[in-house]
PDB file of N, CA and C in Angstrom:
ATOM      1  N   UNK A   1      36.489  -3.314  89.307  1.00  0.00           N
ATOM      2  CA  UNK A   1      34.560  -2.908  88.621  1.00  0.00           C
ATOM      3  C   UNK A   1      35.129  -2.760  87.362  1.00  0.00           C
ATOM      4  N   UNK A   2      34.537  -3.713  86.541  1.00  0.00           N
ATOM      5  CA  UNK A   2      35.041  -3.212  84.811  1.00  0.00           C
ATOM      6  C   UNK A   2      33.845  -2.063  84.545  1.00  0.00           C
ATOM      7  N   UNK A   3      34.094  -1.202  83.244  1.00  0.00           N
ATOM      8  CA  UNK A   3      33.292  -0.511  83.183  1.00  0.00           C
ATOM      9  C   UNK A   3      33.291  -0.907  81.435  1.00  0.00           C
ATOM     10  N   UNK A   4      32.376  -0.661  80.654  1.00  0.00           N
ATOM     11  CA  UNK A   4      32.392  -0.742  79.276  1.00  0.00           C
ATOM     12  C   UNK A   4      31.345   0.842  78.461  1.00  0.00           C
ATOM     13  N   UNK A   5      31.608   1.257  77.485  1.00  0.00           N
ATOM     14  CA  UNK A   5      30.779   1.881  76.957  1.00  0.00           C
ATOM     15  C   UNK A   5      30.723   1.419  75.412  1.00  0.00           C
ATOM     16  N   UNK A   6      28.894   1.426  75.376  1.00  0.00           N
ATOM     17  CA  UNK A   6      28.457   0.550  74.441  1.00  0.00           C
ATOM     18  C   UNK A   6      27.765   1.751  73.503  1.00  0.00           C
ATOM     19  N   UNK A   7      28.192   1.661  72.190  1.00  0.00           N
ATOM     20  CA  UNK A   7      27.301   2.537  71.066  1.00  0.00           C
ATOM     21  C   UNK A   7      26.488   1.439  70.188  1.00  0.00           C
ATOM     22  N   UNK A   8      25.189   2.224  69.969  1.00  0.00           N
ATOM     23  CA  UNK A   8      24.138   1.356  69.663  1.00  0.00           C
ATOM     24  C   UNK A   8      23.722   2.276  68.756  1.00  0.00           C
ATOM     25  N   UNK A   9      23.383   1.557  67.327  1.00  0.00           N
ATOM     26  CA  UNK A   9      22.579   1.918  66.330  1.00  0.00           C
ATOM     27  C   UNK A   9      21.341   1.270  66.216  1.00  0.00           C
ATOM     28  N   UNK A  10      20.272   1.844  65.933  1.00  0.00           N
ATOM     29  CA  UNK A  10      18.975   1.323  66.170  1.00  0.00           C
ATOM     30  C   UNK A  10      18.090   1.318  64.888  1.00  0.00           C
ATOM     31  N   UNK A  11      16.751   0.969  64.841  1.00  0.00           N
ATOM     32  CA  UNK A  11      16.262   0.938  63.407  1.00  0.00           C
ATOM     33  C   UNK A  11      15.108   2.374  64.171  1.00  0.00           C
ATOM     34  N   UNK A  12      15.010   3.027  62.823  1.00  0.00           N
ATOM     35  CA  UNK A  12      14.547   4.418  62.869  1.00  0.00           C
ATOM     36  C   UNK A  12      13.471   4.421  63.628  1.00  0.00           C
ATOM     37  N   UNK A  13      13.223   5.268  64.668  1.00  0.00           N
ATOM     38  CA  UNK A  13      11.493   5.421  65.525  1.00  0.00           C
ATOM     39  C   UNK A  13      12.287   4.623  66.562  1.00  0.00           C
ATOM     40  N   UNK A  14      13.299   3.662  66.904  1.00  0.00           N
ATOM     41  CA  UNK A  14      12.928   2.957  67.991  1.00  0.00           C
ATOM     42  C   UNK A  14      13.834   3.111  69.100  1.00  0.00           C
ATOM     43  N   UNK A  15      14.911   4.846  69.019  1.00  0.00           N
ATOM     44  CA  UNK A  15      15.900   4.847  69.806  1.00  0.00           C
ATOM     45  C   UNK A  15      15.542   4.789  71.492  1.00  0.00           C
ATOM     46  N   UNK A  16      13.820   5.977  71.547  1.00  0.00           N
ATOM     47  CA  UNK A  16      13.464   6.035  73.144  1.00  0.00           C
ATOM     48  C   UNK A  16      13.149   4.827  73.811  1.00  0.00           C
ATOM     49  N   UNK A  17      12.594   3.747  72.530  1.00  0.00           N
ATOM     50  CA  UNK A  17      12.333   2.394  73.528  1.00  0.00           C
ATOM     51  C   UNK A  17      13.225   1.668  73.613  1.00  0.00           C
ATOM     52  N   UNK A  18      14.441   1.556  72.425  1.00  0.00           N
ATOM     53  CA  UNK A  18      15.453   0.837  73.284  1.00  0.00           C
ATOM     54  C   UNK A  18      15.976   1.335  74.412  1.00  0.00           C
ATOM     55  N   UNK A  19      16.563   2.622  74.075  1.00  0.00           N
ATOM     56  CA  UNK A  19      16.882   3.234  75.234  1.00  0.00           C
ATOM     57  C   UNK A  19      16.296   3.003  76.636  1.00  0.00           C
ATOM     58  N   UNK A  20      14.850   2.807  76.937  1.00  0.00           N
ATOM     59  CA  UNK A  20      14.297   2.799  77.748  1.00  0.00           C
ATOM     60  C   UNK A  20      14.479   1.145  78.415  1.00  0.00           C
ATOM     61  N   UNK A  21      14.838   0.105  77.616  1.00  0.00           N
ATOM     62  CA  UNK A  21      15.123  -0.834  77.568  1.00  0.00           C
ATOM     63  C   UNK A  21      16.398  -1.131  78.048  1.00  0.00           C
ATOM     64  N   UNK A  22      17.223  -0.293  77.826  1.00  0.00           N
ATOM     65  CA  UNK A  22      18.791  -0.838  78.122  1.00  0.00           C
ATOM     66  C   UNK A  22      18.686  -0.320  79.973  1.00  0.00           C
ATOM     67  N   UNK A  23      18.176   0.088  79.942  1.00  0.00           N
ATOM     68  CA  UNK A  23      17.892   1.103  81.164  1.00  0.00           C
ATOM     69  C   UNK A  23      17.374   0.482  82.207  1.00  0.00           C
ATOM     70  N   UNK A  24      16.563  -0.886  82.003  1.00  0.00           N
ATOM     71  CA  UNK A  24      15.992  -1.642  82.763  1.00  0.00           C
ATOM     72  C   UNK A  24      16.843  -2.950  82.884  1.00  0.00           C
ATOM     73  N   UNK A  25      17.819  -3.059  82.258  1.00  0.00           N
ATOM     74  CA  UNK A  25      18.382  -4.599  82.121  1.00  0.00           C
ATOM     75  C   UNK A  25      19.693  -3.851  83.720  1.00  0.00           C
ATOM     76  N   UNK A  26      19.554  -5.038  84.041  1.00  0.00           N
ATOM     77  CA  UNK A  26      20.546  -4.823  85.739  1.00  0.00           C
ATOM     78  C   UNK A  26      22.422  -4.790  85.092  1.00  0.00           C
ATOM     79  N   UNK A  27      22.887  -3.443  85.371  1.00  0.00           N
ATOM     80  CA  UNK A  27      24.232  -3.940  85.258  1.00  0.00           C
ATOM     81  C   UNK A  27      24.382  -2.395  83.901  1.00  0.00           C
ATOM     82  N   UNK A  28      23.568  -1.945  83.627  1.00  0.00           N
ATOM     83  CA  UNK A  28      23.641  -0.787  82.796  1.00  0.00           C
ATOM     84  C   UNK A  28      23.143   0.525  83.435  1.00  0.00           C
ATOM     85  N   UNK A  29      24.295   1.100  83.891  1.00  0.00           N
ATOM     86  CA  UNK A  29      24.548   2.119  84.662  1.00  0.00           C
ATOM     87  C   UNK A  29      23.335   3.344  84.039  1.00  0.00           C
ATOM     88  N   UNK A  30      23.801   3.521  82.622  1.00  0.00           N
ATOM     89  CA  UNK A  30      22.633   4.981  82.236  1.00  0.00           C
ATOM     90  C   UNK A  30      22.579   4.544  80.629  1.00  0.00           C
ATOM     91  N   UNK A  31      21.815   5.378  79.969  1.00  0.00           N
ATOM     92  CA  UNK A  31      21.648   5.094  78.522  1.00  0.00           C
ATOM     93  C   UNK A  31      20.866   5.644  78.198  1.00  0.00           C
ATOM     94  N   UNK A  32      21.767   6.608  77.077  1.00  0.00           N
ATOM     95  CA  UNK A  32      20.946   8.291  76.478  1.00  0.00           C
ATOM     96  C   UNK A  32      20.794   7.827  74.668  1.00  0.00           C
ATOM     97  N   UNK A  33      20.039   8.224  74.362  1.00  0.00           N
ATOM     98  CA  UNK A  33      19.955   8.581  73.207  1.00  0.00           C
ATOM     99  C   UNK A  33      20.612  10.207  72.779  1.00  0.00           C
ATOM    100  N   UNK A  34      21.503   9.651  71.759  1.00  0.00           N
ATOM    101  CA  UNK A  34      22.655  10.948  71.417  1.00  0.00           C
ATOM    102  C   UNK A  34      22.488  11.120  69.606  1.00  0.00           C
ATOM    103  N   UNK A  35      23.181  12.118  69.539  1.00  0.00           N
ATOM    104  CA  UNK A  35      23.126  12.610  67.653  1.00  0.00           C
ATOM    105  C   UNK A  35      24.978  11.932  67.076  1.00  0.00           C
ATOM    106  N   UNK A  36      24.993  12.192  66.147  1.00  0.00           N
ATOM    107  CA  UNK A  36      25.734  11.672  65.324  1.00  0.00           C
ATOM    108  C   UNK A  36      25.956  10.291  65.065  1.00  0.00           C
ATOM    109  N   UNK A  37      26.690   9.345  64.490  1.00  0.00           N
ATOM    110  CA  UNK A  37      26.745   8.076  63.967  1.00  0.00           C
ATOM    111  C   UNK A  37      26.128   7.219  64.796  1.00  0.00           C
ATOM    112  N   UNK A  38      26.237   7.158  66.007  1.00  0.00           N
ATOM    113  CA  UNK A  38      25.437   6.067  66.746  1.00  0.00           C
ATOM    114  C   UNK A  38      24.140   6.805  67.190  1.00  0.00           C
ATOM    115  N   UNK A  39      23.098   5.993  67.556  1.00  0.00           N
ATOM    116  CA  UNK A  39      21.580   6.682  68.000  1.00  0.00           C
ATOM    117  C   UNK A  39      21.765   6.466  69.856  1.00  0.00           C
ATOM    118  N   UNK A  40      22.545   5.429  70.493  1.00  0.00           N
ATOM    119  CA  UNK A  40      22.342   5.384  72.230  1.00  0.00           C
ATOM    120  C   UNK A  40      24.005   5.070  72.349  1.00  0.00           C
ATOM    121  N   UNK A  41      24.191   5.695  73.352  1.00  0.00           N
ATOM    122  CA  UNK A  41      25.119   5.649  74.349  1.00  0.00           C
ATOM    123  C   UNK A  41      25.078   4.833  75.679  1.00  0.00           C
ATOM    124  N   UNK A  42      25.444   3.554  75.560  1.00  0.00           N
ATOM    125  CA  UNK A  42      25.016   3.123  77.249  1.00  0.00           C
ATOM    126  C   UNK A  42      26.269   2.871  77.937  1.00  0.00           C
ATOM    127  N   UNK A  43      26.228   2.711  79.232  1.00  0.00           N
ATOM    128  CA  UNK A  43      27.562   2.827  79.975  1.00  0.00           C
ATOM    129  C   UNK A  43      26.909   1.240  81.095  1.00  0.00           C
ATOM    130  N   UNK A  44      27.746   0.371  80.566  1.00  0.00           N
ATOM    131  CA  UNK A  44      27.489  -1.025  81.875  1.00  0.00           C
ATOM    132  C   UNK A  44      28.792  -1.089  82.688  1.00  0.00           C
ATOM    133  N   UNK A  45      28.019  -1.970  83.620  1.00  0.00           N
ATOM    134  CA  UNK A  45      29.461  -1.835  85.020  1.00  0.00           C
ATOM    135  C   UNK A  45      29.000  -3.374  85.362  1.00  0.00           C
ATOM    136  N   UNK A  46      30.244  -3.856  85.819  1.00  0.00           N
ATOM    137  CA  UNK A  46      30.377  -5.148  86.348  1.00  0.00           C
ATOM    138  C   UNK A  46      31.212  -5.356  87.115  1.00  0.00           C
ATOM    139  N   UNK A  47      31.614  -6.788  87.800  1.00  0.00           N
ATOM    140  CA  UNK A  47      33.106  -6.874  88.455  1.00  0.00           C
ATOM    141  C   UNK A  47      34.115  -7.201  87.737  1.00  0.00           C
ATOM    142  N   UNK A  48      33.614  -7.889  86.176  1.00  0.00           N
ATOM    143  CA  UNK A  48      34.248  -8.055  85.122  1.00  0.00           C
ATOM    144  C   UNK A  48      33.904  -7.670  84.171  1.00  0.00           C
ATOM    145  N   UNK A  49      34.667  -7.587  83.029  1.00  0.00           N
ATOM    146  CA  UNK A  49      34.635  -7.664  81.666  1.00  0.00           C
ATOM    147  C   UNK A  49      33.829  -8.917  81.050  1.00  0.00           C
ATOM    148  N   UNK A  50      34.032 -10.072  81.839  1.00  0.00           N
ATOM    149  CA  UNK A  50      33.398 -11.595  81.182  1.00  0.00           C
ATOM    150  C   UNK A  50      31.849 -11.096  81.149  1.00  0.00           C
ATOM    151  N   UNK A  51      31.736 -10.784  82.734  1.00  0.00           N
ATOM    152  CA  UNK A  51      29.953 -10.446  82.963  1.00  0.00           C
ATOM    153  C   UNK A  51      29.491  -9.319  82.066  1.00  0.00           C
ATOM    154  N   UNK A  52      29.954  -8.402  81.819  1.00  0.00           N
ATOM    155  CA  UNK A  52      29.596  -7.510  80.494  1.00  0.00           C
ATOM    156  C   UNK A  52      29.727  -7.924  79.273  1.00  0.00           C
ATOM    157  N   UNK A  53      30.662  -8.549  78.699  1.00  0.00           N
ATOM    158  CA  UNK A  53      30.284  -9.471  77.380  1.00  0.00           C
ATOM    159  C   UNK A  53      29.303 -10.052  77.333  1.00  0.00           C
ATOM    160  N   UNK A  54      29.359 -10.876  78.058  1.00  0.00           N
ATOM    161  CA  UNK A  54      28.184 -11.917  78.357  1.00  0.00           C
ATOM    162  C   UNK A  54      26.534 -11.488  78.706  1.00  0.00           C
ATOM    163  N   UNK A  55      26.387 -10.376  78.872  1.00  0.00           N
ATOM    164  CA  UNK A  55      25.181  -9.515  79.003  1.00  0.00           C
ATOM    165  C   UNK A  55      25.208  -9.012  77.658  1.00  0.00           C
ATOM    166  N   UNK A  56      25.976  -8.160  77.228  1.00  0.00           N
ATOM    167  CA  UNK A  56      25.556  -7.713  75.484  1.00  0.00           C
ATOM    168  C   UNK A  56      25.415  -8.931  74.776  1.00  0.00           C
ATOM    169  N   UNK A  57      26.610 -10.238  74.510  1.00  0.00           N
ATOM    170  CA  UNK A  57      25.844 -10.714  73.754  1.00  0.00           C
ATOM    171  C   UNK A  57      24.799 -11.827  73.651  1.00  0.00           C
ATOM    172  N   UNK A  58      24.260 -12.297  75.168  1.00  0.00           N
ATOM    173  CA  UNK A  58      23.019 -12.752  75.676  1.00  0.00           C
ATOM    174  C   UNK A  58      22.187 -12.249  75.485  1.00  0.00           C
ATOM    175  N   UNK A  59      21.858 -10.924  75.828  1.00  0.00           N
ATOM    176  CA  UNK A  59      20.952  -9.641  76.075  1.00  0.00           C
ATOM    177  C   UNK A  59      20.524  -8.597  74.904  1.00  0.00           C
ATOM    178  N   UNK A  60      21.631  -8.392  75.321  1.00  0.00           N
ATOM    179  CA  UNK A  60      21.333  -6.728  74.441  1.00  0.00           C
ATOM    180  C   UNK A  60      21.259  -6.780  73.244  1.00  0.00           C
ATOM    181  N   UNK A  61      22.088  -7.668  72.601  1.00  0.00           N
ATOM    182  CA  UNK A  61      22.148  -7.941  71.055  1.00  0.00           C
ATOM    183  C   UNK A  61      21.214  -8.855  70.761  1.00  0.00           C
ATOM    184  N   UNK A  62      20.403  -9.435  71.358  1.00  0.00           N
ATOM    185  CA  UNK A  62      19.124  -9.768  70.760  1.00  0.00           C
ATOM    186  C   UNK A  62      17.955  -9.108  70.774  1.00  0.00           C
ATOM    187  N   UNK A  63      17.984  -7.558  71.422  1.00  0.00           N
ATOM    188  CA  UNK A  63      16.756  -7.062  71.572  1.00  0.00           C
ATOM    189  C   UNK A  63      16.555  -6.620  70.146  1.00  0.00           C
ATOM    190  N   UNK A  64      15.320  -6.260  69.794  1.00  0.00           N
ATOM    191  CA  UNK A  64      14.734  -6.271  68.384  1.00  0.00           C
ATOM    192  C   UNK A  64      14.734  -4.868  68.339  1.00  0.00           C
ATOM    193  N   UNK A  65      15.147  -4.727  66.643  1.00  0.00           N
ATOM    194  CA  UNK A  65      15.313  -3.119  66.895  1.00  0.00           C
ATOM    195  C   UNK A  65      17.164  -2.947  66.722  1.00  0.00           C
ATOM    196  N   UNK A  66      17.467  -3.480  67.132  1.00  0.00           N
ATOM    197  CA  UNK A  66      19.240  -2.943  67.505  1.00  0.00           C
ATOM    198  C   UNK A  66      19.859  -3.288  66.302  1.00  0.00           C
ATOM    199  N   UNK A  67      20.488  -2.576  65.485  1.00  0.00           N
ATOM    200  CA  UNK A  67      21.119  -3.379  64.214  1.00  0.00           C
ATOM    201  C   UNK A  67      22.895  -3.599  64.397  1.00  0.00           C
ATOM    202  N   UNK A  68      23.586  -2.651  65.153  1.00  0.00           N
ATOM    203  CA  UNK A  68      24.823  -2.755  65.754  1.00  0.00           C
ATOM    204  C   UNK A  68      25.302  -1.715  67.131  1.00  0.00           C
ATOM    205  N   UNK A  69      25.939  -2.635  67.357  1.00  0.00           N
ATOM    206  CA  UNK A  69      26.951  -2.140  68.554  1.00  0.00           C
ATOM    207  C   UNK A  69      28.244  -2.190  68.379  1.00  0.00           C
ATOM    208  N   UNK A  70      28.854  -0.920  69.246  1.00  0.00           N
ATOM    209  CA  UNK A  70      30.175  -0.718  69.203  1.00  0.00           C
ATOM    210  C   UNK A  70      31.079  -0.342  70.917  1.00  0.00           C
ATOM    211  N   UNK A  71      31.843  -2.080  70.975  1.00  0.00           N
ATOM    212  CA  UNK A  71      32.145  -2.020  72.588  1.00  0.00           C
ATOM    213  C   UNK A  71      33.429  -0.975  72.953  1.00  0.00           C
ATOM    214  N   UNK A  72      33.745  -0.448  73.805  1.00  0.00           N
ATOM    215  CA  UNK A  72      34.520   0.428  74.132  1.00  0.00           C
ATOM    216  C   UNK A  72      35.152   0.141  75.540  1.00  0.00           C
ATOM    217  N   UNK A  73      36.030  -0.805  75.874  1.00  0.00           N
ATOM    218  CA  UNK A  73      36.317  -1.219  77.679  1.00  0.00           C
ATOM    219  C   UNK A  73      36.961  -0.136  78.150  1.00  0.00           C
ATOM    220  N   UNK A  74      36.251   0.474  79.074  1.00  0.00           N
ATOM    221  CA  UNK A  74      37.397   1.539  80.089  1.00  0.00           C
ATOM    222  C   UNK A  74      38.483   0.940  80.792  1.00  0.00           C
ATOM    223  N   UNK A  75      39.940   1.664  80.268  1.00  0.00           N
ATOM    224  CA  UNK A  75      40.823   0.677  80.970  1.00  0.00           C
ATOM    225  C   UNK A  75      41.708   1.695  82.691  1.00  0.00           C
ATOM    226  N   UNK A  76      40.773   2.744  82.509  1.00  0.00           N
ATOM    227  CA  UNK A  76      40.866   2.940  84.490  1.00  0.00           C
ATOM    228  C   UNK A  76      39.835   3.020  85.253  1.00  0.00           C
TER     229      UNK A  76
END
């Protein structure tokens, strides 16, 4: 099982709606609005990292209102 932490910057006022959209995507184990440099932290899980990266590139990064993402792969 692969796990990735996805940090997300969004347009002002879009954090809650994008968090809710992320929570509805299969493979997103959790998504929370946070304080700091990023607006949302999401946890994605799948059988391998290729499946996760495909979901990030083809689904998540296309969500209107997302400015930037940064991906951290869990190593254990």
